[in-house]
């Protein structure tokens, strides 16, 4: 089951094709994320630039 929050409320989906599509999107985002320590360092760096 996938829950998607929108400006009009939440929607729930359980159809297999949609779940596969959402999993691909999630995996793409997750694969481009920095590791936790690098994320922390990046945020600290950004804050120092403000």
N, C-alpha and C. Protein backbone atom coordinates (compact mmCIF):
# COMPACT_ATOMS: atom_id res chain seq x y z
N UNK A 1 0.85 -1.17 0.00
CA UNK A 1 0.00 0.00 0.00
C UNK A 1 0.89 1.23 0.00
N UNK A 2 0.49 2.22 -0.76
CA UNK A 2 1.20 3.50 -0.84
C UNK A 2 0.24 4.60 -0.43
N UNK A 3 0.73 5.52 0.41
CA UNK A 3 -0.05 6.69 0.77
C UNK A 3 0.63 7.90 0.13
N UNK A 4 -0.15 8.68 -0.59
CA UNK A 4 0.36 9.89 -1.23
C UNK A 4 -0.39 11.07 -0.65
N UNK A 5 0.36 12.02 -0.09
CA UNK A 5 -0.25 13.22 0.47
C UNK A 5 -0.23 14.32 -0.58
N UNK A 6 -1.35 14.96 -0.76
CA UNK A 6 -1.48 16.05 -1.72
C UNK A 6 -2.09 17.26 -1.02
N UNK A 7 -2.22 18.33 -1.73
CA UNK A 7 -2.87 19.51 -1.20
C UNK A 7 -4.34 19.32 -0.91
N UNK A 8 -4.90 18.24 -1.44
CA UNK A 8 -6.32 17.96 -1.26
C UNK A 8 -6.58 16.81 -0.30
N UNK A 9 -5.53 16.33 0.37
CA UNK A 9 -5.67 15.22 1.29
C UNK A 9 -4.80 14.05 0.90
N UNK A 10 -5.06 12.91 1.51
CA UNK A 10 -4.27 11.71 1.26
C UNK A 10 -4.99 10.78 0.30
N UNK A 11 -4.21 10.04 -0.44
CA UNK A 11 -4.75 9.01 -1.33
C UNK A 11 -3.98 7.72 -1.05
N UNK A 12 -4.66 6.61 -1.08
CA UNK A 12 -4.06 5.30 -0.83
C UNK A 12 -4.20 4.45 -2.08
N UNK A 13 -3.10 3.77 -2.43
CA UNK A 13 -3.09 2.92 -3.61
C UNK A 13 -2.54 1.55 -3.25
N UNK A 14 -3.13 0.52 -3.81
CA UNK A 14 -2.60 -0.82 -3.57
C UNK A 14 -2.48 -1.63 -4.86
N UNK A 15 -2.77 -1.04 -6.01
CA UNK A 15 -2.67 -1.74 -7.29
C UNK A 15 -1.19 -2.00 -7.60
N UNK A 16 -0.88 -3.22 -7.98
CA UNK A 16 0.51 -3.63 -8.20
C UNK A 16 1.25 -2.76 -9.21
N UNK A 17 0.68 -2.38 -10.36
CA UNK A 17 1.43 -1.53 -11.30
C UNK A 17 1.81 -0.17 -10.68
N UNK A 18 0.90 0.40 -9.93
CA UNK A 18 1.21 1.69 -9.30
C UNK A 18 2.26 1.52 -8.22
N UNK A 19 2.20 0.45 -7.47
CA UNK A 19 3.21 0.20 -6.44
C UNK A 19 4.59 0.05 -7.06
N UNK A 20 4.68 -0.65 -8.18
CA UNK A 20 5.96 -0.80 -8.87
C UNK A 20 6.50 0.55 -9.33
N UNK A 21 5.61 1.38 -9.86
CA UNK A 21 6.00 2.71 -10.33
C UNK A 21 6.53 3.55 -9.16
N UNK A 22 5.81 3.53 -8.05
CA UNK A 22 6.23 4.32 -6.88
C UNK A 22 7.54 3.79 -6.31
N UNK A 23 7.73 2.48 -6.31
CA UNK A 23 8.98 1.89 -5.81
C UNK A 23 10.16 2.34 -6.66
N UNK A 24 9.98 2.38 -7.99
CA UNK A 24 11.05 2.86 -8.88
C UNK A 24 11.41 4.30 -8.55
N UNK A 25 10.40 5.13 -8.35
CA UNK A 25 10.66 6.54 -8.02
C UNK A 25 11.38 6.67 -6.69
N UNK A 26 10.92 5.91 -5.70
CA UNK A 26 11.55 5.95 -4.38
C UNK A 26 13.00 5.49 -4.47
N UNK A 27 13.25 4.40 -5.18
CA UNK A 27 14.61 3.89 -5.32
C UNK A 27 15.51 4.90 -6.01
N UNK A 28 14.98 5.61 -7.00
CA UNK A 28 15.77 6.63 -7.69
C UNK A 28 16.16 7.75 -6.73
N UNK A 29 15.21 8.21 -5.96
CA UNK A 29 15.50 9.28 -4.98
C UNK A 29 16.49 8.78 -3.93
N UNK A 30 16.26 7.58 -3.41
CA UNK A 30 17.13 7.03 -2.37
C UNK A 30 18.56 6.84 -2.89
N UNK A 31 18.71 6.44 -4.14
CA UNK A 31 20.05 6.20 -4.69
C UNK A 31 20.81 7.50 -4.91
N UNK A 32 20.12 8.62 -4.99
CA UNK A 32 20.81 9.89 -5.21
C UNK A 32 21.05 10.66 -3.91
N UNK A 33 20.58 10.13 -2.79
CA UNK A 33 20.74 10.80 -1.50
C UNK A 33 22.16 10.61 -0.98
N UNK A 34 22.64 11.60 -0.25
CA UNK A 34 23.94 11.48 0.40
C UNK A 34 23.84 10.55 1.60
N UNK A 35 24.93 9.91 1.97
CA UNK A 35 24.94 9.14 3.22
C UNK A 35 24.70 10.08 4.41
N UNK A 36 24.24 9.57 5.54
CA UNK A 36 23.90 10.43 6.68
C UNK A 36 25.00 11.42 7.10
N UNK A 37 26.23 10.96 7.22
CA UNK A 37 27.31 11.86 7.66
C UNK A 37 27.55 12.96 6.63
N UNK A 38 27.52 12.62 5.36
CA UNK A 38 27.70 13.64 4.32
C UNK A 38 26.52 14.61 4.28
N UNK A 39 25.33 14.12 4.53
CA UNK A 39 24.16 15.00 4.59
C UNK A 39 24.32 16.02 5.71
N UNK A 40 24.75 15.52 6.88
CA UNK A 40 24.96 16.42 8.02
C UNK A 40 25.99 17.48 7.68
N UNK A 41 27.12 17.06 7.11
CA UNK A 41 28.18 18.01 6.77
C UNK A 41 27.70 19.02 5.74
N UNK A 42 26.93 18.58 4.78
CA UNK A 42 26.40 19.47 3.75
C UNK A 42 25.46 20.51 4.38
N UNK A 43 24.60 20.09 5.29
CA UNK A 43 23.67 21.01 5.95
C UNK A 43 24.44 22.01 6.80
N UNK A 44 25.44 21.55 7.52
CA UNK A 44 26.27 22.45 8.35
C UNK A 44 26.94 23.48 7.46
N UNK A 45 27.47 23.04 6.33
CA UNK A 45 28.12 23.95 5.39
C UNK A 45 27.15 25.01 4.87
N UNK A 46 25.95 24.58 4.51
CA UNK A 46 24.95 25.52 4.03
C UNK A 46 24.58 26.54 5.12
N UNK A 47 24.43 26.07 6.34
CA UNK A 47 24.09 26.98 7.43
C UNK A 47 25.19 28.01 7.68
N UNK A 48 26.43 27.61 7.52
CA UNK A 48 27.54 28.54 7.71
C UNK A 48 27.59 29.60 6.63
N UNK A 49 27.02 29.30 5.48
CA UNK A 49 27.01 30.28 4.37
C UNK A 49 25.90 31.32 4.53
N UNK A 50 24.95 31.06 5.42
CA UNK A 50 23.85 32.01 5.60
C UNK A 50 24.27 33.22 6.39
